[in-house]
Protein backbone atom coordinates (compact mmCIF):
# COMPACT_ATOMS: atom_id res chain seq x y z
CA MET A 1 116.99 -107.04 38.40
CA ASN A 2 116.78 -104.13 35.98
CA GLY A 3 114.24 -101.50 37.04
CA SER A 4 110.90 -103.20 37.60
CA ALA A 5 111.65 -106.26 35.44
CA ILE A 6 112.27 -109.59 37.07
CA ASP A 7 115.75 -111.01 36.49
CA PRO A 8 116.03 -112.38 32.91
CA GLY A 9 117.87 -115.45 34.20
CA LEU A 10 114.74 -116.76 35.93
CA ARG A 11 113.63 -120.33 35.24
CA VAL A 12 110.92 -122.59 36.63
CA GLY A 13 112.73 -124.83 39.10
CA SER A 14 110.01 -127.20 40.29
CA VAL A 15 106.32 -127.75 40.94
CA THR A 16 104.62 -129.49 43.84
CA LEU A 17 101.41 -131.38 43.15
CA ALA A 18 99.01 -132.82 45.72
CA VAL A 19 97.74 -136.21 44.52
CA SER A 20 95.05 -138.61 45.67
CA ASP A 21 97.11 -141.83 45.36
CA LEU A 22 100.85 -141.28 45.71
CA GLN A 23 101.98 -144.67 44.40
CA ARG A 24 99.70 -144.43 41.38
CA SER A 25 101.05 -140.99 40.54
CA VAL A 26 104.68 -142.05 41.02
CA ASP A 27 104.09 -144.98 38.67
CA PHE A 28 102.49 -142.67 36.09
CA TYR A 29 105.22 -140.02 36.09
CA GLU A 30 107.96 -142.66 36.05
CA ARG A 31 106.45 -144.86 33.36
CA MET A 32 104.66 -142.36 31.12
CA LEU A 33 106.84 -139.27 31.30
CA GLY A 34 109.99 -141.21 32.16
CA LEU A 35 110.91 -139.02 35.15
CA PRO A 36 113.39 -140.83 37.42
CA LEU A 37 112.29 -141.26 41.04
CA LEU A 38 114.93 -139.57 43.18
CA GLU A 39 113.50 -139.89 46.69
CA ARG A 40 110.39 -141.40 48.26
CA SER A 41 108.83 -141.33 51.71
CA GLU A 42 105.42 -142.43 52.94
CA ASP A 43 103.70 -139.20 51.90
CA GLU A 44 106.06 -137.54 49.41
CA ALA A 45 108.05 -138.36 46.27
CA ARG A 46 110.61 -136.31 44.32
CA LEU A 47 111.29 -136.88 40.63
CA GLY A 48 113.45 -135.33 37.93
CA THR A 49 116.53 -135.69 35.77
CA ASP A 50 118.85 -133.89 38.22
CA ALA A 51 119.28 -135.58 41.60
CA ALA A 52 120.29 -132.28 43.21
CA ARG A 53 117.27 -130.37 41.86
CA PRO A 54 114.03 -132.38 41.66
CA ALA A 55 111.62 -130.88 39.13
CA LEU A 56 108.47 -132.56 40.46
CA VAL A 57 107.37 -133.08 44.06
CA LEU A 58 104.29 -135.22 44.70
CA THR A 59 102.54 -135.08 48.07
CA ALA A 60 99.81 -137.44 49.26
CA ILE A 61 96.34 -136.20 50.26
CA ALA A 62 94.94 -138.07 53.26
CA ASP A 63 91.24 -137.82 52.35
CA PRO A 64 91.01 -136.66 48.74
CA GLU A 65 87.96 -135.24 47.02
CA PRO A 66 87.42 -134.44 43.31
CA VAL A 67 88.75 -131.23 41.80
CA PRO A 68 85.89 -128.79 41.01
CA VAL A 69 86.06 -128.13 37.26
CA ASP A 70 85.35 -124.40 37.64
CA SER A 71 87.87 -123.73 40.41
CA THR A 72 91.09 -121.78 40.03
CA GLY A 73 94.38 -123.67 40.14
CA LEU A 74 96.37 -125.74 37.69
CA PHE A 75 95.62 -125.79 33.97
CA HIS A 76 98.79 -127.70 33.09
CA VAL A 77 102.44 -128.23 33.95
CA ALA A 78 104.52 -128.01 30.76
CA TRP A 79 107.61 -130.20 30.38
CA LEU A 80 110.15 -128.63 28.05
CA HIS A 81 112.25 -131.14 26.11
CA PRO A 82 115.72 -130.20 24.84
CA SER A 83 115.02 -131.29 21.25
CA ARG A 84 112.35 -132.57 18.88
CA ALA A 85 113.94 -136.03 19.07
CA ALA A 86 113.61 -135.99 22.88
CA LEU A 87 109.95 -134.98 22.57
CA ALA A 88 109.37 -137.74 20.03
CA ALA A 89 110.82 -140.29 22.46
CA THR A 90 108.38 -139.19 25.18
CA ILE A 91 105.46 -139.38 22.74
CA ARG A 92 106.44 -142.95 21.79
CA ARG A 93 106.78 -143.93 25.45
CA ILE A 94 103.26 -142.66 26.22
CA ILE A 95 101.79 -144.33 23.11
CA ASP A 96 103.48 -147.64 23.93
CA ALA A 97 102.08 -147.49 27.47
CA GLY A 98 98.57 -147.03 26.10
CA TRP A 99 97.86 -143.63 27.69
CA ARG A 100 95.55 -141.24 25.84
CA PHE A 101 96.53 -137.80 24.55
CA ASP A 102 93.99 -134.98 24.92
CA GLY A 103 95.31 -132.87 22.04
CA ALA A 104 98.27 -131.65 20.00
CA SER A 105 99.10 -128.20 18.63
CA ASP A 106 101.71 -126.26 16.72
CA HIS A 107 102.00 -122.95 18.57
CA GLY A 108 104.56 -121.44 16.21
CA VAL A 109 107.06 -120.93 19.02
CA SER A 110 106.77 -124.59 20.03
CA GLU A 111 105.30 -128.00 19.24
CA ALA A 112 103.13 -129.43 22.01
CA LEU A 113 100.98 -132.38 23.01
CA TYR A 114 98.57 -132.54 25.93
CA LEU A 115 97.44 -135.24 28.35
CA SER A 116 96.19 -135.59 31.92
CA ASP A 117 97.62 -137.47 34.88
CA PRO A 118 95.57 -140.02 36.92
CA ASP A 119 93.99 -137.19 38.95
CA GLY A 120 93.04 -135.27 35.82
CA LEU A 121 95.81 -132.70 36.32
CA GLY A 122 96.91 -131.24 33.01
CA ILE A 123 100.28 -131.94 31.40
CA GLU A 124 101.90 -130.46 28.32
CA ILE A 125 104.97 -131.99 26.71
CA TYR A 126 106.72 -129.71 24.25
CA ALA A 127 109.85 -128.65 22.41
CA ASP A 128 110.69 -125.09 21.44
CA ARG A 129 111.52 -123.89 17.98
CA PRO A 130 114.72 -121.80 17.81
CA ARG A 131 114.11 -118.36 19.33
CA GLU A 132 115.16 -116.62 16.11
CA ALA A 133 112.30 -118.42 14.30
CA TRP A 134 109.59 -117.11 16.63
CA GLU A 135 107.16 -114.80 14.88
CA ARG A 136 106.79 -111.29 16.30
CA PRO A 137 103.73 -109.03 16.19
CA ALA A 138 103.81 -106.05 13.84
CA GLU A 139 104.66 -103.71 16.70
CA GLY A 140 107.65 -105.93 17.55
CA HIS A 141 106.85 -106.54 21.21
CA GLY A 142 106.33 -110.07 22.54
CA VAL A 143 105.72 -113.13 20.37
CA ARG A 144 103.02 -114.36 18.07
CA MET A 145 101.53 -117.59 19.42
CA MET A 146 98.97 -119.59 17.49
CA THR A 147 97.12 -122.89 17.64
CA LEU A 148 97.56 -124.92 14.45
CA PRO A 149 97.43 -128.67 13.72
CA LEU A 150 100.63 -130.43 14.76
CA ASP A 151 102.47 -132.62 12.26
CA VAL A 152 102.87 -135.56 14.63
CA GLU A 153 104.17 -137.89 11.91
CA ASP A 154 107.06 -135.55 11.14
CA LEU A 155 107.77 -135.22 14.85
CA LEU A 156 107.81 -138.99 15.36
CA ALA A 157 110.26 -139.33 12.46
CA GLN A 158 112.89 -137.68 14.67
CA GLY A 159 115.47 -139.73 16.52
CA ASP A 160 115.54 -143.40 17.47
CA PRO A 161 112.21 -145.21 17.01
CA SER A 162 113.01 -147.59 19.88
CA PRO A 163 111.21 -146.66 23.12
CA THR A 164 113.38 -145.21 25.88
CA PRO A 165 112.39 -145.72 29.54
CA ALA A 166 113.76 -142.41 30.83
CA ILE A 167 113.04 -138.87 29.75
CA ALA A 168 115.93 -137.01 28.09
CA PRO A 169 118.47 -135.39 30.43
CA GLY A 170 117.86 -131.67 30.64
CA THR A 171 114.07 -131.96 30.42
CA GLY A 172 112.36 -129.79 33.02
CA VAL A 173 109.38 -127.57 33.67
CA GLY A 174 109.38 -124.92 30.97
CA HIS A 175 106.22 -123.14 32.07
CA VAL A 176 103.17 -123.45 34.30
CA HIS A 177 99.70 -122.54 33.04
CA MET A 178 97.14 -121.63 35.70
CA LYS A 179 93.39 -121.09 35.86
CA VAL A 180 92.63 -117.74 37.49
CA ALA A 181 89.46 -115.90 38.51
CA ASP A 182 90.37 -112.63 36.79
CA VAL A 183 93.05 -112.47 34.08
CA PRO A 184 93.69 -108.69 34.25
CA ARG A 185 94.06 -108.89 38.03
CA ALA A 186 96.45 -111.85 37.83
CA ALA A 187 98.43 -110.31 34.97
CA ALA A 188 98.77 -107.05 36.93
CA PHE A 189 100.25 -108.98 39.85
CA TYR A 190 102.66 -111.10 37.82
CA GLY A 191 103.56 -108.23 35.50
CA GLY A 192 103.18 -105.01 37.44
CA THR A 193 104.21 -106.37 40.85
CA LEU A 194 106.60 -109.27 40.24
CA GLY A 195 108.01 -107.84 37.00
CA PHE A 196 107.26 -110.56 34.46
CA GLU A 197 106.82 -109.26 30.91
CA GLU A 198 103.58 -109.89 29.05
CA MET A 199 104.50 -111.65 25.80
CA ALA A 200 101.14 -112.56 24.26
CA GLN A 201 97.39 -112.40 24.79
CA MET A 202 94.45 -114.52 23.73
CA PRO A 203 90.79 -114.10 24.63
CA SER A 204 90.62 -114.44 28.46
CA ALA A 205 94.30 -115.46 28.63
CA ALA A 206 97.72 -113.86 29.07
CA PHE A 207 101.26 -115.23 28.76
CA LEU A 208 104.18 -113.75 30.70
CA SER A 209 107.88 -114.44 30.96
CA ALA A 210 111.33 -113.31 32.03
CA GLY A 211 114.21 -112.71 29.64
CA GLY A 212 112.16 -112.72 26.43
CA TYR A 213 111.03 -116.37 26.65
CA HIS A 214 107.63 -116.99 25.04
CA HIS A 215 106.14 -117.71 28.47
CA HIS A 216 107.04 -119.03 31.88
CA LEU A 217 103.46 -118.41 33.03
CA GLY A 218 100.10 -118.87 31.35
CA LEU A 219 96.95 -117.40 32.91
CA ASN A 220 93.41 -118.11 31.73
CA SER A 221 89.83 -117.82 32.97
CA TRP A 222 88.23 -120.06 30.35
CA GLN A 223 86.60 -122.23 33.04
CA SER A 224 87.36 -120.23 36.17
CA ALA A 225 86.10 -116.65 35.73
CA GLY A 226 85.05 -115.36 39.15
CA ALA A 227 85.80 -118.73 40.77
CA SER A 228 87.56 -119.53 44.02
CA ARG A 229 90.44 -121.88 44.73
CA ALA A 230 89.83 -125.63 44.96
CA PRO A 231 89.79 -127.08 48.50
CA GLU A 232 93.12 -128.25 49.96
CA SER A 233 91.75 -131.81 49.96
CA ALA A 234 91.47 -131.83 46.15
CA PRO A 235 94.41 -132.79 43.90
CA GLY A 236 96.16 -129.81 42.42
CA LEU A 237 99.05 -127.39 42.32
CA GLN A 238 100.51 -126.64 45.75
CA LEU A 239 103.65 -124.70 44.87
CA VAL A 240 105.55 -123.27 41.92
CA GLU A 241 109.21 -122.63 42.69
CA PHE A 242 111.21 -120.30 40.46
CA GLU A 243 114.99 -120.16 40.43
CA LEU A 244 116.80 -116.84 40.18
CA PRO A 245 120.49 -116.66 39.25
CA GLY A 246 121.77 -115.21 42.52
CA GLU A 247 121.21 -113.51 45.87
CA ASP A 248 121.23 -110.03 44.27
CA ALA A 249 118.26 -110.91 42.06
CA LEU A 250 116.42 -112.45 45.03
CA GLY A 251 117.08 -109.43 47.22
CA ALA A 252 115.84 -107.07 44.50
CA LEU A 253 112.62 -109.05 44.18
CA GLU A 254 112.09 -109.01 47.93
CA ARG A 255 112.48 -105.22 48.01
CA VAL A 256 110.01 -104.80 45.15
CA LEU A 257 107.45 -107.00 46.93
CA ALA A 258 107.91 -105.20 50.23
CA ALA A 259 107.25 -101.88 48.49
CA ARG A 260 104.46 -102.88 46.09
CA ALA A 261 102.61 -105.81 47.65
CA PRO A 262 103.66 -106.42 51.28
CA ASP A 263 100.47 -108.40 51.94
CA ALA A 264 101.48 -110.92 49.26
CA LEU A 265 104.85 -111.60 50.90
CA LEU A 266 104.61 -114.77 53.01
CA GLY A 267 108.22 -114.84 54.14
CA ALA A 268 111.84 -114.34 53.17
CA GLU A 269 114.61 -116.41 54.70
CA GLY A 270 117.33 -118.89 53.82
CA GLY A 271 117.74 -117.76 50.22
CA ARG A 272 114.02 -118.09 49.52
CA VAL A 273 111.13 -115.65 49.13
CA SER A 274 107.57 -117.00 49.41
CA VAL A 275 104.60 -115.20 47.86
CA LEU A 276 100.83 -115.65 47.55
CA ASP A 277 99.23 -114.55 44.28
CA PRO A 278 95.72 -113.00 44.06
CA ASP A 279 94.12 -116.43 43.60
CA GLY A 280 95.81 -117.87 46.69
CA GLN A 281 98.49 -119.78 44.74
CA GLU A 282 101.78 -120.07 46.61
CA LEU A 283 104.96 -119.23 44.74
CA ALA A 284 108.56 -119.39 45.89
CA PHE A 285 111.64 -117.70 44.47
CA ALA A 286 115.03 -119.14 45.38
CA ALA A 287 118.68 -118.57 44.56
CA PRO A 288 120.34 -122.00 44.36
């Protein structure tokens, strides 16, 4: 950790989602996204391309209720593909399965498509453009992100047109976008306290990252300004786990939290630091 900045080697390791019907969600993430099922119990399933490091954990809700639209929580989990051809294969898999896309955009830094899982939880599938091609603002800090029409036909022209049942190796969670009650408050916590760097802003939204990535975290209040967290019995985001490159980076983060926001620190043990953000979202930082 350099000064107040979070370690540039940070990555999103995994997300945990609470779901209303575990088997239905397992089927969806296996069949649509192509995530291999690694482990399954009565009330939990782990999926991902690396058996040692599951990227998605699904937990069953005993008595589920609908997610309030205006609550804080998950906006979408974004699955970063290693290439345009890998993204095209996932698009074809979803089309062949008959699932509906909610939208598609060219963000300049990346090409992305959007859909929702059976509980209505948002998903982005995307591939990055090379970092050297990312546009920078005139002042040089951060990145210039935009929302333009996506050339889906050109994207689908990449790679093998035959459908593939499994998602490409190396695909994982590239970023998590959350609905928050107050963007400046959330950005101050993630930036000023945890040490993420703000890379871009949009009306009522901020995008932060480590190591110069376009964003590991998105924060918006488009539907959730002044709102509270959804009840625990509603489907949604339970945990975001970040991976840091080593014990030194984890220890530095723990010291920063103890000094700046001790009330946000839930615990620190076993190579893992747990934190609660201002909207009540649990985060964990671990050194594999």
